[in-house]
Amino acid sequence: MSGFYVKVGDWVRFAKTVGETDVYMFAGITGDFSVNHVNAQYMARSKYGQRIAHGALLVGYMSTCSTMMIDKCQGTGGDETPVSLGYDKVRFLGPVFIGDTVNLTYTIVEVDPVKRRSYGEVKAENQNGELVGVARHILAWTRNKD
C-alpha cells in the first residue's frame, strides 16, 4: 500500500449562506418538519426569536468538507480509496439562522498508518466568527481491487 495522501495540518474550507430553500428542501428530504425549522410564528416566541436550521444540515456541510479533503488528495492516484466512517463528538454550540453564512474548516489532526485512518477536526462558525458546531471526522483508507 502507498503512504497517506494527507498529513497532519492539511485543511480545506467551505462557506455557505443558509437559505430558506436549503431548510425547506432538507425538511422535505428528511421529513423533519419541526416547528423549530419551518414555523416562523412559533419560533418568534422562542429564545431564538426566529427559525433555526437543522443540525443535521450543518453535518451535511461538514460532509462537504470531507469530500473536499478527499478530492484534494485523490489527484495523486494510488491504490487506496478514502471513505467516511462517520463523525464523533458532533456538537451544535449555537443556532444557525436562515440567512447566516457558515464557514467550515476541516483540518487533519491525526493519521494512523496502521489502521489506515485519518482524523479531521471540523469547526463551523457563523459570519460573526461565533463557533456554532464542531465534530471529529474519520476517513478510512481502503485498498482498491487489484
C-alpha atoms as a PDB file:
ATOM      1  CA  MET A   1       0.000   0.000   0.000  1.00  0.00           C
ATOM      2  CA  SER A   2       1.136   3.503  -0.667  1.00  0.00           C
ATOM      3  CA  GLY A   3       1.501   6.146   2.023  1.00  0.00           C
ATOM      4  CA  PHE A   4      -1.147   8.552   3.116  1.00  0.00           C
ATOM      5  CA  TYR A   5      -2.135  11.372   0.844  1.00  0.00           C
ATOM      6  CA  VAL A   6      -2.931  13.681   3.750  1.00  0.00           C
ATOM      7  CA  LYS A   7      -0.810  14.824   6.644  1.00  0.00           C
ATOM      8  CA  VAL A   8      -1.478  16.495   9.949  1.00  0.00           C
ATOM      9  CA  GLY A   9      -2.207  20.153   9.268  1.00  0.00           C
ATOM     10  CA  ASP A  10      -3.790  19.710   5.826  1.00  0.00           C
ATOM     11  CA  TRP A  11      -7.043  21.670   5.669  1.00  0.00           C
ATOM     12  CA  VAL A  12      -9.946  22.761   3.488  1.00  0.00           C
ATOM     13  CA  ARG A  13     -12.612  25.430   3.901  1.00  0.00           C
ATOM     14  CA  PHE A  14     -16.217  25.680   2.778  1.00  0.00           C
ATOM     15  CA  ALA A  15     -18.676  28.552   3.201  1.00  0.00           C
ATOM     16  CA  LYS A  16     -22.413  28.604   2.573  1.00  0.00           C
ATOM     17  CA  THR A  17     -25.164  31.093   3.246  1.00  0.00           C
ATOM     18  CA  VAL A  18     -28.105  29.105   4.595  1.00  0.00           C
ATOM     19  CA  GLY A  19     -31.171  29.993   2.596  1.00  0.00           C
ATOM     20  CA  GLU A  20     -34.812  29.342   3.296  1.00  0.00           C
ATOM     21  CA  THR A  21     -34.826  26.970   0.335  1.00  0.00           C
ATOM     22  CA  ASP A  22     -31.992  24.938   1.916  1.00  0.00           C
ATOM     23  CA  VAL A  23     -34.012  24.489   5.099  1.00  0.00           C
ATOM     24  CA  TYR A  24     -37.265  23.580   3.342  1.00  0.00           C
ATOM     25  CA  MET A  25     -35.626  21.207   0.873  1.00  0.00           C
ATOM     26  CA  PHE A  26     -33.758  19.499   3.718  1.00  0.00           C
ATOM     27  CA  ALA A  27     -37.002  19.217   5.676  1.00  0.00           C
ATOM     28  CA  GLY A  28     -38.671  17.653   2.651  1.00  0.00           C
ATOM     29  CA  ILE A  29     -35.855  15.188   2.026  1.00  0.00           C
ATOM     30  CA  THR A  30     -35.612  14.081   5.665  1.00  0.00           C
ATOM     31  CA  GLY A  31     -39.223  14.521   6.766  1.00  0.00           C
ATOM     32  CA  ASP A  32     -38.072  16.726   9.666  1.00  0.00           C
ATOM     33  CA  PHE A  33     -40.697  19.465   9.663  1.00  0.00           C
ATOM     34  CA  SER A  34     -40.109  20.502  13.272  1.00  0.00           C
ATOM     35  CA  VAL A  35     -41.570  23.889  14.122  1.00  0.00           C
ATOM     36  CA  ASN A  36     -38.011  24.941  15.044  1.00  0.00           C
ATOM     37  CA  HIS A  37     -37.198  24.913  11.341  1.00  0.00           C
ATOM     38  CA  VAL A  38     -40.407  25.776   9.481  1.00  0.00           C
ATOM     39  CA  ASN A  39     -42.707  27.848  11.703  1.00  0.00           C
ATOM     40  CA  ALA A  40     -41.615  31.495  11.944  1.00  0.00           C
ATOM     41  CA  GLN A  41     -44.547  32.494  14.176  1.00  0.00           C
ATOM     42  CA  TYR A  42     -43.825  29.759  16.704  1.00  0.00           C
ATOM     43  CA  MET A  43     -40.091  30.466  16.778  1.00  0.00           C
ATOM     44  CA  ALA A  44     -40.654  34.214  17.157  1.00  0.00           C
ATOM     45  CA  ARG A  45     -41.801  33.420  20.730  1.00  0.00           C
ATOM     46  CA  SER A  46     -38.723  31.281  21.450  1.00  0.00           C
ATOM     47  CA  LYS A  47     -35.427  32.382  22.955  1.00  0.00           C
ATOM     48  CA  TYR A  48     -34.015  32.382  19.408  1.00  0.00           C
ATOM     49  CA  GLY A  49     -36.649  34.746  18.009  1.00  0.00           C
ATOM     50  CA  GLN A  50     -36.563  33.077  14.600  1.00  0.00           C
ATOM     51  CA  ARG A  51     -36.302  29.739  12.808  1.00  0.00           C
ATOM     52  CA  ILE A  52     -33.080  27.745  13.100  1.00  0.00           C
ATOM     53  CA  ALA A  53     -31.544  25.426  10.528  1.00  0.00           C
ATOM     54  CA  HIS A  54     -31.429  21.688  11.152  1.00  0.00           C
ATOM     55  CA  GLY A  55     -28.341  20.478  12.986  1.00  0.00           C
ATOM     56  CA  ALA A  56     -28.167  17.612  10.513  1.00  0.00           C
ATOM     57  CA  LEU A  57     -27.966  20.186   7.699  1.00  0.00           C
ATOM     58  CA  LEU A  58     -24.836  21.544   9.371  1.00  0.00           C
ATOM     59  CA  VAL A  59     -23.461  17.979   9.434  1.00  0.00           C
ATOM     60  CA  GLY A  60     -24.212  17.855   5.713  1.00  0.00           C
ATOM     61  CA  TYR A  61     -21.981  20.883   5.213  1.00  0.00           C
ATOM     62  CA  MET A  62     -19.313  19.101   7.275  1.00  0.00           C
ATOM     63  CA  SER A  63     -19.627  16.213   4.835  1.00  0.00           C
ATOM     64  CA  THR A  64     -18.959  18.652   2.006  1.00  0.00           C
ATOM     65  CA  CYS A  65     -15.657  19.458   3.705  1.00  0.00           C
ATOM     66  CA  SER A  66     -14.689  15.792   3.994  1.00  0.00           C
ATOM     67  CA  THR A  67     -15.447  15.370   0.284  1.00  0.00           C
ATOM     68  CA  MET A  68     -13.283  18.389  -0.479  1.00  0.00           C
ATOM     69  CA  MET A  69     -10.429  16.800   1.505  1.00  0.00           C
ATOM     70  CA  ILE A  70     -10.865  13.543  -0.421  1.00  0.00           C
ATOM     71  CA  ASP A  71     -10.902  15.454  -3.734  1.00  0.00           C
ATOM     72  CA  LYS A  72      -7.773  17.340  -2.699  1.00  0.00           C
ATOM     73  CA  CYS A  73      -5.786  14.150  -2.187  1.00  0.00           C
ATOM     74  CA  GLN A  74      -7.193  11.880  -4.910  1.00  0.00           C
ATOM     75  CA  GLY A  75      -5.384  13.732  -7.669  1.00  0.00           C
ATOM     76  CA  THR A  76      -2.252  11.848  -6.636  1.00  0.00           C
ATOM     77  CA  GLY A  77      -3.658   8.439  -7.630  1.00  0.00           C
ATOM     78  CA  GLY A  78      -2.691   5.460  -5.555  1.00  0.00           C
ATOM     79  CA  ASP A  79      -4.058   2.107  -4.531  1.00  0.00           C
ATOM     80  CA  GLU A  80      -6.452   3.235  -1.784  1.00  0.00           C
ATOM     81  CA  THR A  81      -9.854   4.906  -1.722  1.00  0.00           C
ATOM     82  CA  PRO A  82     -10.803   7.127   1.235  1.00  0.00           C
ATOM     83  CA  VAL A  83     -14.337   6.616   2.578  1.00  0.00           C
ATOM     84  CA  SER A  84     -16.108   8.229   5.509  1.00  0.00           C
ATOM     85  CA  LEU A  85     -16.552   6.183   8.668  1.00  0.00           C
ATOM     86  CA  GLY A  86     -18.619   8.956  10.228  1.00  0.00           C
ATOM     87  CA  TYR A  87     -18.461  11.693  12.811  1.00  0.00           C
ATOM     88  CA  ASP A  88     -17.676  11.599  16.510  1.00  0.00           C
ATOM     89  CA  LYS A  89     -18.249  14.275  19.116  1.00  0.00           C
ATOM     90  CA  VAL A  90     -20.719  16.231  16.983  1.00  0.00           C
ATOM     91  CA  ARG A  91     -21.888  19.269  18.940  1.00  0.00           C
ATOM     92  CA  PHE A  92     -24.190  22.120  17.990  1.00  0.00           C
ATOM     93  CA  LEU A  93     -22.863  25.034  20.017  1.00  0.00           C
ATOM     94  CA  GLY A  94     -25.071  27.812  18.722  1.00  0.00           C
ATOM     95  CA  PRO A  95     -28.005  28.375  16.411  1.00  0.00           C
ATOM     96  CA  VAL A  96     -27.694  28.721  12.661  1.00  0.00           C
ATOM     97  CA  PHE A  97     -30.378  31.048  11.369  1.00  0.00           C
ATOM     98  CA  ILE A  98     -31.760  31.373   7.868  1.00  0.00           C
ATOM     99  CA  GLY A  99     -29.536  33.972   6.216  1.00  0.00           C
ATOM    100  CA  ASP A 100     -26.446  33.110   8.263  1.00  0.00           C
ATOM    101  CA  THR A 101     -23.250  32.277   6.428  1.00  0.00           C
ATOM    102  CA  VAL A 102     -21.495  29.284   7.923  1.00  0.00           C
ATOM    103  CA  ASN A 103     -17.754  28.977   7.444  1.00  0.00           C
ATOM    104  CA  LEU A 104     -16.417  25.474   7.972  1.00  0.00           C
ATOM    105  CA  THR A 105     -12.797  24.422   8.351  1.00  0.00           C
ATOM    106  CA  TYR A 106     -11.733  20.784   8.154  1.00  0.00           C
ATOM    107  CA  THR A 107      -8.202  20.087   9.424  1.00  0.00           C
ATOM    108  CA  ILE A 108      -6.384  16.748   9.529  1.00  0.00           C
ATOM    109  CA  VAL A 109      -5.339  16.321  13.178  1.00  0.00           C
ATOM    110  CA  GLU A 110      -4.195  12.683  13.252  1.00  0.00           C
ATOM    111  CA  VAL A 111      -3.091   9.954  10.876  1.00  0.00           C
ATOM    112  CA  ASP A 112      -2.979   6.279  11.887  1.00  0.00           C
ATOM    113  CA  PRO A 113      -0.984   4.394   9.243  1.00  0.00           C
ATOM    114  CA  VAL A 114      -1.569   1.014  10.908  1.00  0.00           C
ATOM    115  CA  LYS A 115      -5.369   1.273  10.918  1.00  0.00           C
ATOM    116  CA  ARG A 116      -5.291   3.253   7.628  1.00  0.00           C
ATOM    117  CA  ARG A 117      -7.314   6.093   9.137  1.00  0.00           C
ATOM    118  CA  SER A 118      -7.119   9.852   9.145  1.00  0.00           C
ATOM    119  CA  TYR A 119      -8.989  12.075  11.548  1.00  0.00           C
ATOM    120  CA  GLY A 120     -10.263  15.537  10.817  1.00  0.00           C
ATOM    121  CA  GLU A 121     -11.385  18.260  13.178  1.00  0.00           C
ATOM    122  CA  VAL A 122     -14.318  20.214  11.778  1.00  0.00           C
ATOM    123  CA  LYS A 123     -15.261  23.661  13.051  1.00  0.00           C
ATOM    124  CA  ALA A 124     -18.241  25.690  11.868  1.00  0.00           C
ATOM    125  CA  GLU A 125     -18.501  29.407  12.571  1.00  0.00           C
ATOM    126  CA  ASN A 126     -21.181  31.884  11.621  1.00  0.00           C
ATOM    127  CA  GLN A 127     -20.490  35.172   9.855  1.00  0.00           C
ATOM    128  CA  ASN A 128     -19.749  36.802  13.236  1.00  0.00           C
ATOM    129  CA  GLY A 129     -16.969  34.322  13.998  1.00  0.00           C
ATOM    130  CA  GLU A 130     -19.071  32.515  16.628  1.00  0.00           C
ATOM    131  CA  LEU A 131     -18.472  28.778  16.844  1.00  0.00           C
ATOM    132  CA  VAL A 132     -21.791  27.075  16.037  1.00  0.00           C
ATOM    133  CA  GLY A 133     -20.714  23.465  15.519  1.00  0.00           C
ATOM    134  CA  VAL A 134     -17.821  21.038  15.866  1.00  0.00           C
ATOM    135  CA  ALA A 135     -17.122  17.395  15.051  1.00  0.00           C
ATOM    136  CA  ARG A 136     -14.354  14.867  14.574  1.00  0.00           C
ATOM    137  CA  HIS A 137     -14.451  13.038  11.255  1.00  0.00           C
ATOM    138  CA  ILE A 138     -12.918   9.656  10.465  1.00  0.00           C
ATOM    139  CA  LEU A 139     -11.721   8.663   6.999  1.00  0.00           C
ATOM    140  CA  ALA A 140     -10.825   5.023   6.300  1.00  0.00           C
ATOM    141  CA  TRP A 141      -8.321   4.433   3.530  1.00  0.00           C
ATOM    142  CA  THR A 142      -9.423   1.185   1.882  1.00  0.00           C
ATOM    143  CA  ARG A 143      -7.331  -0.856  -0.512  1.00  0.00           C
ATOM    144  CA  ASN A 144      -8.579  -0.891  -4.105  1.00  0.00           C
ATOM    145  CA  LYS A 145      -9.175  -4.096  -6.052  1.00  0.00           C
ATOM    146  CA  ASP A 146      -6.177  -5.322  -7.998  1.00  0.00           C
END
